[in-house]
Amino acid sequence: MQGGSVDIDIKPDRVYVPSDDIVAREIEGELIIVPLVAGVGETEDELFSLNETGKDIWRRLDGKTTLAGIAEALAAEYDVRPDEIERDVIGLVGELVQRKMLVAK
């Protein structure tokens, strides 16, 4: 992400990483994303939580693996078609990019 603009054109062949402006912690089995600065999330005190699938996606955002690679790994793990998982991965990543919680690498 450059110049402060949000990349909402989510591509399966791109790599995304958590923003430096958030902290993510697992609390009682739930992954909570906390914005550290105003303008991240919708309000500066907004918390965002991820379900089990969301947590699996988040943990694979390692700065090396493309979204397509994440979808392939999840499809193999959950025995689901890669195109079905890829839609879910792109949907979640798109939402988190819009909230400035993830950035393209």
C-alpha atoms as a PDB file:
ATOM      1  CA  MET A   1       0.000   0.000   0.000  1.00  0.00           C
ATOM      2  CA  GLN A   2       1.463   3.318  -1.007  1.00  0.00           C
ATOM      3  CA  GLY A   3       0.462   6.897  -0.570  1.00  0.00           C
ATOM      4  CA  GLY A   4      -2.126   6.054   2.075  1.00  0.00           C
ATOM      5  CA  SER A   5      -4.606   4.585  -0.404  1.00  0.00           C
ATOM      6  CA  VAL A   6      -6.368   1.330   0.378  1.00  0.00           C
ATOM      7  CA  ASP A   7      -5.849  -1.524  -2.086  1.00  0.00           C
ATOM      8  CA  ILE A   8      -9.311  -3.047  -2.417  1.00  0.00           C
ATOM      9  CA  ASP A   9      -8.484  -4.919  -5.635  1.00  0.00           C
ATOM     10  CA  ILE A  10      -7.682  -8.205  -3.916  1.00  0.00           C
ATOM     11  CA  LYS A  11      -5.689 -10.561  -6.150  1.00  0.00           C
ATOM     12  CA  PRO A  12      -5.127 -14.276  -5.442  1.00  0.00           C
ATOM     13  CA  ASP A  13      -1.505 -14.013  -6.609  1.00  0.00           C
ATOM     14  CA  ARG A  14      -0.614 -11.306  -4.087  1.00  0.00           C
ATOM     15  CA  VAL A  15       0.805 -11.557  -0.592  1.00  0.00           C
ATOM     16  CA  TYR A  16      -0.817  -9.704   2.310  1.00  0.00           C
ATOM     17  CA  VAL A  17       0.466  -9.042   5.818  1.00  0.00           C
ATOM     18  CA  PRO A  18      -0.966  -7.556   9.002  1.00  0.00           C
ATOM     19  CA  SER A  19      -0.680  -3.784   9.254  1.00  0.00           C
ATOM     20  CA  ASP A  20       1.803  -2.281  11.693  1.00  0.00           C
ATOM     21  CA  ASP A  21      -1.175  -0.331  13.072  1.00  0.00           C
ATOM     22  CA  ILE A  22      -2.860  -3.323  14.728  1.00  0.00           C
ATOM     23  CA  VAL A  23      -2.213  -5.938  17.383  1.00  0.00           C
ATOM     24  CA  ALA A  24      -3.734  -9.412  17.132  1.00  0.00           C
ATOM     25  CA  ARG A  25      -4.102 -11.649  20.175  1.00  0.00           C
ATOM     26  CA  GLU A  26      -5.874 -14.900  20.862  1.00  0.00           C
ATOM     27  CA  ILE A  27      -8.131 -14.573  23.904  1.00  0.00           C
ATOM     28  CA  GLU A  28     -10.168 -17.546  25.092  1.00  0.00           C
ATOM     29  CA  GLY A  29      -9.921 -19.224  21.688  1.00  0.00           C
ATOM     30  CA  GLU A  30     -10.944 -16.130  19.736  1.00  0.00           C
ATOM     31  CA  LEU A  31      -8.522 -14.057  17.640  1.00  0.00           C
ATOM     32  CA  ILE A  32      -9.037 -10.375  18.438  1.00  0.00           C
ATOM     33  CA  ILE A  33      -7.587  -7.633  16.230  1.00  0.00           C
ATOM     34  CA  VAL A  34      -7.134  -4.299  17.993  1.00  0.00           C
ATOM     35  CA  PRO A  35      -6.378  -1.055  16.106  1.00  0.00           C
ATOM     36  CA  LEU A  36      -3.543   0.995  17.597  1.00  0.00           C
ATOM     37  CA  VAL A  37      -4.255   4.259  15.775  1.00  0.00           C
ATOM     38  CA  ALA A  38      -7.288   6.256  14.718  1.00  0.00           C
ATOM     39  CA  GLY A  39      -8.493   5.460  11.206  1.00  0.00           C
ATOM     40  CA  VAL A  40      -7.882   1.720  11.470  1.00  0.00           C
ATOM     41  CA  GLY A  41     -11.079  -0.253  11.703  1.00  0.00           C
ATOM     42  CA  GLU A  42     -14.167   1.921  11.563  1.00  0.00           C
ATOM     43  CA  THR A  43     -13.549   3.647  14.883  1.00  0.00           C
ATOM     44  CA  GLU A  44     -10.359   3.939  16.860  1.00  0.00           C
ATOM     45  CA  ASP A  45     -11.601   1.657  19.623  1.00  0.00           C
ATOM     46  CA  GLU A  46     -13.154  -1.031  17.400  1.00  0.00           C
ATOM     47  CA  LEU A  47     -12.240  -4.634  18.097  1.00  0.00           C
ATOM     48  CA  PHE A  48     -12.491  -7.188  15.308  1.00  0.00           C
ATOM     49  CA  SER A  49     -12.717 -10.913  15.992  1.00  0.00           C
ATOM     50  CA  LEU A  50     -12.150 -13.872  13.683  1.00  0.00           C
ATOM     51  CA  ASN A  51     -13.847 -17.269  13.724  1.00  0.00           C
ATOM     52  CA  GLU A  52     -11.919 -20.548  13.334  1.00  0.00           C
ATOM     53  CA  THR A  53     -11.649 -20.270   9.546  1.00  0.00           C
ATOM     54  CA  GLY A  54     -10.640 -16.624   9.832  1.00  0.00           C
ATOM     55  CA  LYS A  55      -7.957 -17.569  12.357  1.00  0.00           C
ATOM     56  CA  ASP A  56      -6.613 -20.232   9.976  1.00  0.00           C
ATOM     57  CA  ILE A  57      -6.400 -17.657   7.188  1.00  0.00           C
ATOM     58  CA  TRP A  58      -4.794 -15.052   9.494  1.00  0.00           C
ATOM     59  CA  ARG A  59      -2.112 -17.460  10.694  1.00  0.00           C
ATOM     60  CA  ARG A  60      -1.097 -18.162   7.091  1.00  0.00           C
ATOM     61  CA  LEU A  61      -0.559 -14.484   6.237  1.00  0.00           C
ATOM     62  CA  ASP A  62       3.183 -14.978   6.640  1.00  0.00           C
ATOM     63  CA  GLY A  63       4.512 -12.438   4.134  1.00  0.00           C
ATOM     64  CA  LYS A  64       5.482 -15.193   1.671  1.00  0.00           C
ATOM     65  CA  THR A  65       2.343 -17.136   0.781  1.00  0.00           C
ATOM     66  CA  THR A  66      -0.066 -15.803  -1.831  1.00  0.00           C
ATOM     67  CA  LEU A  67      -3.796 -15.855  -1.210  1.00  0.00           C
ATOM     68  CA  ALA A  68      -4.076 -18.649  -3.793  1.00  0.00           C
ATOM     69  CA  GLY A  69      -1.465 -20.618  -1.838  1.00  0.00           C
ATOM     70  CA  ILE A  70      -3.394 -20.081   1.389  1.00  0.00           C
ATOM     71  CA  ALA A  71      -6.591 -21.242  -0.323  1.00  0.00           C
ATOM     72  CA  GLU A  72      -4.879 -24.379  -1.688  1.00  0.00           C
ATOM     73  CA  ALA A  73      -3.516 -25.296   1.749  1.00  0.00           C
ATOM     74  CA  LEU A  74      -6.888 -24.757   3.419  1.00  0.00           C
ATOM     75  CA  ALA A  75      -8.695 -26.707   0.682  1.00  0.00           C
ATOM     76  CA  ALA A  76      -6.397 -29.680   1.247  1.00  0.00           C
ATOM     77  CA  GLU A  77      -6.749 -29.434   5.024  1.00  0.00           C
ATOM     78  CA  TYR A  78     -10.549 -29.132   4.997  1.00  0.00           C
ATOM     79  CA  ASP A  79     -11.163 -31.305   1.892  1.00  0.00           C
ATOM     80  CA  VAL A  80     -13.009 -28.509   0.069  1.00  0.00           C
ATOM     81  CA  ARG A  81     -12.656 -27.240  -3.504  1.00  0.00           C
ATOM     82  CA  PRO A  82      -9.925 -24.562  -3.743  1.00  0.00           C
ATOM     83  CA  ASP A  83     -12.205 -22.122  -5.620  1.00  0.00           C
ATOM     84  CA  GLU A  84     -14.726 -22.206  -2.755  1.00  0.00           C
ATOM     85  CA  ILE A  85     -12.062 -21.491  -0.151  1.00  0.00           C
ATOM     86  CA  GLU A  86     -10.412 -18.862  -2.358  1.00  0.00           C
ATOM     87  CA  ARG A  87     -13.647 -16.821  -2.407  1.00  0.00           C
ATOM     88  CA  ASP A  88     -13.737 -16.907   1.402  1.00  0.00           C
ATOM     89  CA  VAL A  89     -10.058 -15.978   1.675  1.00  0.00           C
ATOM     90  CA  ILE A  90     -10.444 -13.067  -0.754  1.00  0.00           C
ATOM     91  CA  GLY A  91     -13.617 -11.913   1.014  1.00  0.00           C
ATOM     92  CA  LEU A  92     -11.996 -11.814   4.454  1.00  0.00           C
ATOM     93  CA  VAL A  93      -8.767 -10.267   3.193  1.00  0.00           C
ATOM     94  CA  GLY A  94     -10.758  -7.643   1.282  1.00  0.00           C
ATOM     95  CA  GLU A  95     -12.674  -6.687   4.404  1.00  0.00           C
ATOM     96  CA  LEU A  96      -9.488  -6.467   6.472  1.00  0.00           C
ATOM     97  CA  VAL A  97      -7.708  -4.418   3.779  1.00  0.00           C
ATOM     98  CA  GLN A  98     -10.645  -1.985   3.688  1.00  0.00           C
ATOM     99  CA  ARG A  99     -10.389  -1.665   7.468  1.00  0.00           C
ATOM    100  CA  LYS A 100      -6.618  -1.058   7.069  1.00  0.00           C
ATOM    101  CA  MET A 101      -5.826  -4.123   9.181  1.00  0.00           C
ATOM    102  CA  LEU A 102      -3.978  -5.879   6.320  1.00  0.00           C
ATOM    103  CA  VAL A 103      -1.739  -4.446   3.617  1.00  0.00           C
ATOM    104  CA  ALA A 104      -0.394  -5.846   0.347  1.00  0.00           C
ATOM    105  CA  LYS A 105       3.281  -6.687   0.482  1.00  0.00           C
END
